[in-house]
Amino acid sequence: MDMTLRTYDPSKLDEFSLRLLDLASIVRQMANLSREQGIEDLPLHDKKALEWCVKLEQWAHKTRADLEVKILQDKAERRGRSAAE
């Protein structure tokens, strides 16, 4: 699997989060429809989807930590510049 490092601005993060919300909405619609129609035993091949969810959760936690480090680094850099002035 090819890992690509790309920069994201807040708009790109919003776009990505909306894509995830769209997927969540589809699954919620399926849950509601199956509930409304009395379907209690829908067979699904979920192994890969569950694996992807675990990886996505790990990625989200790591990415959040990376953002917090970047924020601290930027604050320290700004303080250093203003102290030098």
N, C-alpha and C. Protein backbone atom coordinates (compact mmCIF):
# COMPACT_ATOMS: atom_id res chain seq x y z
N MET A 1 0.84 -1.17 0.00
CA MET A 1 0.00 0.00 0.00
C MET A 1 0.89 1.24 0.00
N ASP A 2 0.63 2.16 -0.91
CA ASP A 2 1.42 3.37 -1.05
C ASP A 2 0.91 4.43 -0.09
N MET A 3 1.77 4.87 0.83
CA MET A 3 1.40 5.91 1.78
C MET A 3 1.83 7.25 1.20
N THR A 4 0.92 8.19 1.15
CA THR A 4 1.22 9.50 0.61
C THR A 4 0.98 10.55 1.68
N LEU A 5 1.98 11.38 1.91
CA LEU A 5 1.86 12.47 2.87
C LEU A 5 1.37 13.70 2.12
N ARG A 6 0.21 14.19 2.51
CA ARG A 6 -0.37 15.37 1.88
C ARG A 6 -0.67 16.40 2.96
N THR A 7 -0.63 17.66 2.58
CA THR A 7 -0.99 18.70 3.53
C THR A 7 -2.49 18.97 3.44
N TYR A 8 -3.09 19.21 4.59
CA TYR A 8 -4.52 19.48 4.68
C TYR A 8 -4.73 20.82 5.36
N ASP A 9 -5.57 21.66 4.75
CA ASP A 9 -5.99 22.87 5.43
C ASP A 9 -7.35 22.58 6.08
N PRO A 10 -7.89 23.50 6.87
CA PRO A 10 -9.17 23.22 7.53
C PRO A 10 -10.29 22.83 6.58
N SER A 11 -10.33 23.43 5.39
CA SER A 11 -11.38 23.09 4.42
C SER A 11 -11.26 21.65 3.95
N LYS A 12 -10.03 21.21 3.72
CA LYS A 12 -9.80 19.83 3.27
C LYS A 12 -10.18 18.85 4.38
N LEU A 13 -9.88 19.21 5.64
CA LEU A 13 -10.29 18.36 6.77
C LEU A 13 -11.81 18.29 6.86
N ASP A 14 -12.48 19.43 6.65
CA ASP A 14 -13.94 19.44 6.64
C ASP A 14 -14.49 18.53 5.55
N GLU A 15 -13.90 18.62 4.36
CA GLU A 15 -14.33 17.80 3.23
C GLU A 15 -14.20 16.31 3.57
N PHE A 16 -13.09 15.94 4.19
CA PHE A 16 -12.86 14.55 4.58
C PHE A 16 -13.87 14.11 5.64
N SER A 17 -14.10 14.97 6.63
CA SER A 17 -15.04 14.60 7.70
C SER A 17 -16.46 14.46 7.15
N LEU A 18 -16.83 15.30 6.18
CA LEU A 18 -18.17 15.18 5.58
C LEU A 18 -18.31 13.87 4.81
N ARG A 19 -17.23 13.43 4.19
CA ARG A 19 -17.27 12.14 3.49
C ARG A 19 -17.53 11.00 4.48
N LEU A 20 -16.86 11.07 5.65
CA LEU A 20 -17.09 10.06 6.69
C LEU A 20 -18.52 10.13 7.22
N LEU A 21 -19.02 11.35 7.40
CA LEU A 21 -20.40 11.50 7.88
C LEU A 21 -21.40 10.97 6.86
N ASP A 22 -21.11 11.14 5.57
CA ASP A 22 -21.99 10.58 4.53
C ASP A 22 -22.06 9.06 4.65
N LEU A 23 -20.91 8.43 4.89
CA LEU A 23 -20.89 6.97 5.06
C LEU A 23 -21.67 6.56 6.30
N ALA A 24 -21.47 7.28 7.40
CA ALA A 24 -22.20 6.99 8.63
C ALA A 24 -23.70 7.16 8.41
N SER A 25 -24.08 8.16 7.64
CA SER A 25 -25.49 8.40 7.36
C SER A 25 -26.11 7.23 6.58
N ILE A 26 -25.37 6.70 5.64
CA ILE A 26 -25.87 5.55 4.86
C ILE A 26 -26.13 4.37 5.79
N VAL A 27 -25.19 4.09 6.69
CA VAL A 27 -25.36 2.96 7.61
C VAL A 27 -26.53 3.22 8.56
N ARG A 28 -26.68 4.45 9.03
CA ARG A 28 -27.82 4.79 9.91
C ARG A 28 -29.14 4.62 9.15
N GLN A 29 -29.18 5.02 7.89
CA GLN A 29 -30.38 4.83 7.08
C GLN A 29 -30.70 3.35 6.94
N MET A 30 -29.66 2.54 6.75
CA MET A 30 -29.87 1.09 6.66
C MET A 30 -30.44 0.56 7.97
N ALA A 31 -29.90 1.03 9.10
CA ALA A 31 -30.40 0.58 10.41
C ALA A 31 -31.87 0.96 10.57
N ASN A 32 -32.19 2.20 10.24
CA ASN A 32 -33.58 2.65 10.37
C ASN A 32 -34.52 1.89 9.44
N LEU A 33 -34.09 1.69 8.21
CA LEU A 33 -34.92 0.96 7.25
C LEU A 33 -35.13 -0.48 7.68
N SER A 34 -34.07 -1.13 8.15
CA SER A 34 -34.24 -2.53 8.59
C SER A 34 -35.14 -2.58 9.82
N ARG A 35 -35.02 -1.59 10.70
CA ARG A 35 -35.89 -1.53 11.88
C ARG A 35 -37.36 -1.33 11.45
N GLU A 36 -37.58 -0.39 10.54
CA GLU A 36 -38.94 -0.11 10.06
C GLU A 36 -39.56 -1.31 9.37
N GLN A 37 -38.74 -2.06 8.65
CA GLN A 37 -39.24 -3.20 7.88
C GLN A 37 -39.19 -4.51 8.65
N GLY A 38 -38.74 -4.46 9.89
CA GLY A 38 -38.70 -5.66 10.72
C GLY A 38 -37.62 -6.65 10.32
N ILE A 39 -36.58 -6.17 9.65
CA ILE A 39 -35.47 -7.05 9.26
C ILE A 39 -34.52 -7.15 10.45
N GLU A 40 -34.42 -8.33 11.03
CA GLU A 40 -33.59 -8.54 12.21
C GLU A 40 -32.36 -9.38 11.93
N ASP A 41 -32.20 -9.84 10.67
CA ASP A 41 -31.11 -10.78 10.39
C ASP A 41 -30.47 -10.54 9.03
N LEU A 42 -30.00 -9.31 8.79
CA LEU A 42 -29.36 -8.97 7.52
C LEU A 42 -27.91 -9.48 7.52
N PRO A 43 -27.60 -10.45 6.67
CA PRO A 43 -26.22 -10.95 6.63
C PRO A 43 -25.31 -9.95 5.89
N LEU A 44 -24.18 -9.63 6.50
CA LEU A 44 -23.23 -8.69 5.90
C LEU A 44 -21.82 -9.27 5.99
N HIS A 45 -21.03 -9.04 4.95
CA HIS A 45 -19.60 -9.36 5.00
C HIS A 45 -18.93 -8.13 5.60
N ASP A 46 -18.63 -8.18 6.90
CA ASP A 46 -18.17 -6.98 7.59
C ASP A 46 -16.70 -7.01 8.02
N LYS A 47 -16.01 -8.10 7.77
CA LYS A 47 -14.64 -8.24 8.28
C LYS A 47 -13.75 -7.09 7.81
N LYS A 48 -13.72 -6.84 6.51
CA LYS A 48 -12.86 -5.78 5.96
C LYS A 48 -13.30 -4.41 6.45
N ALA A 49 -14.60 -4.17 6.47
CA ALA A 49 -15.10 -2.87 6.92
C ALA A 49 -14.71 -2.61 8.37
N LEU A 50 -14.81 -3.63 9.22
CA LEU A 50 -14.42 -3.47 10.62
C LEU A 50 -12.92 -3.25 10.76
N GLU A 51 -12.12 -3.94 9.94
CA GLU A 51 -10.67 -3.72 9.94
C GLU A 51 -10.35 -2.29 9.53
N TRP A 52 -11.05 -1.79 8.49
CA TRP A 52 -10.82 -0.42 8.03
C TRP A 52 -11.20 0.58 9.12
N CYS A 53 -12.27 0.30 9.83
CA CYS A 53 -12.70 1.20 10.92
C CYS A 53 -11.63 1.27 12.01
N VAL A 54 -11.07 0.14 12.37
CA VAL A 54 -10.01 0.12 13.39
C VAL A 54 -8.82 0.94 12.91
N LYS A 55 -8.41 0.72 11.66
CA LYS A 55 -7.27 1.47 11.11
C LYS A 55 -7.58 2.96 11.03
N LEU A 56 -8.80 3.30 10.66
CA LEU A 56 -9.20 4.70 10.57
C LEU A 56 -9.20 5.36 11.94
N GLU A 57 -9.67 4.63 12.95
CA GLU A 57 -9.64 5.16 14.33
C GLU A 57 -8.20 5.40 14.78
N GLN A 58 -7.32 4.44 14.49
CA GLN A 58 -5.91 4.60 14.86
C GLN A 58 -5.30 5.80 14.14
N TRP A 59 -5.60 5.92 12.85
CA TRP A 59 -5.11 7.05 12.06
C TRP A 59 -5.62 8.37 12.63
N ALA A 60 -6.89 8.43 12.99
CA ALA A 60 -7.47 9.67 13.52
C ALA A 60 -6.80 10.07 14.83
N HIS A 61 -6.56 9.11 15.72
CA HIS A 61 -5.90 9.42 16.99
C HIS A 61 -4.46 9.89 16.77
N LYS A 62 -3.73 9.23 15.87
CA LYS A 62 -2.36 9.63 15.58
C LYS A 62 -2.33 11.00 14.94
N THR A 63 -3.23 11.23 14.00
CA THR A 63 -3.28 12.52 13.31
C THR A 63 -3.62 13.64 14.28
N ARG A 64 -4.54 13.39 15.20
CA ARG A 64 -4.88 14.39 16.22
C ARG A 64 -3.66 14.71 17.08
N ALA A 65 -2.92 13.69 17.47
CA ALA A 65 -1.70 13.91 18.26
C ALA A 65 -0.67 14.70 17.46
N ASP A 66 -0.52 14.39 16.18
CA ASP A 66 0.40 15.13 15.31
C ASP A 66 -0.01 16.61 15.24
N LEU A 67 -1.31 16.87 15.15
CA LEU A 67 -1.80 18.25 15.10
C LEU A 67 -1.47 18.98 16.40
N GLU A 68 -1.67 18.32 17.52
CA GLU A 68 -1.38 18.95 18.81
C GLU A 68 0.10 19.27 18.96
N VAL A 69 0.98 18.39 18.46
CA VAL A 69 2.42 18.66 18.48
C VAL A 69 2.72 19.86 17.59
N LYS A 70 2.13 19.90 16.40
CA LYS A 70 2.34 21.02 15.47
C LYS A 70 1.90 22.33 16.10
N ILE A 71 0.78 22.34 16.79
CA ILE A 71 0.29 23.55 17.46
C ILE A 71 1.31 24.01 18.50
N LEU A 72 1.82 23.09 19.31
CA LEU A 72 2.81 23.45 20.33
C LEU A 72 4.10 23.97 19.70
N GLN A 73 4.54 23.34 18.61
CA GLN A 73 5.75 23.79 17.93
C GLN A 73 5.57 25.20 17.37
N ASP A 74 4.42 25.45 16.75
CA ASP A 74 4.15 26.77 16.18
C ASP A 74 4.09 27.84 17.27
N LYS A 75 3.46 27.52 18.40
CA LYS A 75 3.39 28.47 19.52
C LYS A 75 4.79 28.79 20.03
N ALA A 76 5.62 27.76 20.20
CA ALA A 76 6.98 27.96 20.69
C ALA A 76 7.79 28.80 19.70
N GLU A 77 7.60 28.56 18.43
CA GLU A 77 8.31 29.32 17.40
C GLU A 77 7.89 30.79 17.44
N ARG A 78 6.60 31.05 17.59
CA ARG A 78 6.11 32.44 17.66
C ARG A 78 6.65 33.14 18.91
N ARG A 79 6.65 32.42 20.04
CA ARG A 79 7.19 33.00 21.28
C ARG A 79 8.68 33.32 21.12
N GLY A 80 9.39 32.42 20.48
CA GLY A 80 10.81 32.64 20.24
C GLY A 80 11.07 33.85 19.37
N ARG A 81 10.26 34.02 18.34
CA ARG A 81 10.41 35.18 17.45
C ARG A 81 10.08 36.48 18.18
N SER A 82 9.00 36.47 18.97
CA SER A 82 8.63 37.71 19.65
C SER A 82 9.60 38.03 20.78
N ALA A 83 10.23 37.03 21.38
CA ALA A 83 11.23 37.28 22.42
C ALA A 83 12.51 37.85 21.80
N ALA A 84 12.79 37.48 20.56
CA ALA A 84 13.99 37.95 19.87
C ALA A 84 13.82 39.39 19.38
N GLU A 85 12.60 39.87 19.30
CA GLU A 85 12.36 41.23 18.78
C GLU A 85 12.62 42.28 19.78
